[in-house]
């Protein structure tokens, strides 16, 4: 896991991003103190299925009632 200084990271950001996408974990440091880790974003864990929540959520009739005047004022 290579550690690079901020100046080096700014100068070589494209290359460091490419390395991270290839699986390399890169630490960016300031004055020898590690600050952040550069790593690729992981893909979504599962497939979304339309309608998968059907029947699992219930919205009561109070949801459709107007908000009280006091709460409406807070939003303005």
Protein backbone atom coordinates (compact mmCIF):
# COMPACT_ATOMS: atom_id res chain seq x y z
CA UNK A 1 0.00 0.00 0.00
CA UNK A 2 1.99 3.01 -1.23
CA UNK A 3 1.86 6.32 0.60
CA UNK A 4 2.26 9.51 -1.42
CA UNK A 5 2.51 13.15 -0.42
CA UNK A 6 -0.27 15.57 -1.38
CA UNK A 7 1.89 17.43 -3.91
CA UNK A 8 2.77 14.17 -5.65
CA UNK A 9 -0.89 13.13 -5.63
CA UNK A 10 -1.97 16.40 -7.24
CA UNK A 11 0.70 16.11 -9.91
CA UNK A 12 0.02 12.44 -10.72
CA UNK A 13 -3.68 12.13 -9.90
CA UNK A 14 -4.68 10.45 -13.18
CA UNK A 15 -2.03 7.77 -12.78
CA UNK A 16 -2.95 7.20 -9.12
CA UNK A 17 -6.63 6.86 -10.03
CA UNK A 18 -5.72 4.29 -12.67
CA UNK A 19 -3.66 2.34 -10.15
CA UNK A 20 -6.52 2.46 -7.65
CA UNK A 21 -8.95 1.15 -10.29
CA UNK A 22 -6.54 -1.71 -10.91
CA UNK A 23 -6.82 -2.71 -7.25
CA UNK A 24 -3.97 -0.77 -5.65
CA UNK A 25 -4.84 0.98 -2.38
CA UNK A 26 -3.10 4.37 -2.15
CA UNK A 27 -2.69 6.49 0.98
CA UNK A 28 -2.27 10.26 0.63
CA UNK A 29 -0.33 11.92 3.44
CA UNK A 30 0.62 15.41 4.58
CA UNK A 31 3.90 15.75 6.44
CA UNK A 32 4.15 12.00 6.87
CA UNK A 33 0.70 11.85 8.49
CA UNK A 34 -1.76 9.65 6.51
CA UNK A 35 -4.93 11.59 5.65
CA UNK A 36 -7.01 9.73 3.08
CA UNK A 37 -7.18 6.45 1.19
CA UNK A 38 -7.70 6.39 -2.59
CA UNK A 39 -9.60 3.29 -3.67
CA UNK A 40 -12.12 2.49 -6.39
CA UNK A 41 -15.84 2.62 -5.76
CA UNK A 42 -17.39 -0.78 -5.60
CA UNK A 43 -20.30 -1.69 -7.84
CA UNK A 44 -23.82 -2.12 -6.56
CA UNK A 45 -24.26 -5.27 -4.51
CA UNK A 46 -27.56 -6.41 -5.94
CA UNK A 47 -29.94 -5.95 -8.80
CA UNK A 48 -32.87 -3.61 -8.32
CA UNK A 49 -36.21 -5.20 -9.06
CA UNK A 50 -39.22 -2.98 -9.77
CA UNK A 51 -42.04 -3.77 -7.39
CA UNK A 52 -39.87 -5.60 -4.86
CA UNK A 53 -41.26 -3.47 -2.00
CA UNK A 54 -44.89 -3.95 -3.03
CA UNK A 55 -47.01 -4.70 0.00
CA UNK A 56 -44.17 -4.03 2.45
CA UNK A 57 -44.84 -0.32 3.02
CA UNK A 58 -48.06 1.13 4.29
CA UNK A 59 -48.98 4.81 4.17
CA UNK A 60 -51.74 5.83 6.53
CA UNK A 61 -54.42 8.37 5.66
CA UNK A 62 -52.76 10.99 7.89
CA UNK A 63 -49.95 11.20 5.33
CA UNK A 64 -52.34 12.87 2.91
CA UNK A 65 -53.74 15.37 5.43
CA UNK A 66 -52.55 19.00 5.21
CA UNK A 67 -49.74 19.95 7.56
CA UNK A 68 -50.62 22.02 10.64
CA UNK A 69 -50.20 25.77 10.16
CA UNK A 70 -47.33 25.90 12.65
CA UNK A 71 -45.33 23.33 10.68
CA UNK A 72 -46.04 25.05 7.37
CA UNK A 73 -44.63 28.29 8.82
CA UNK A 74 -41.44 26.46 9.83
CA UNK A 75 -40.89 25.47 6.18
CA UNK A 76 -41.18 29.03 4.92
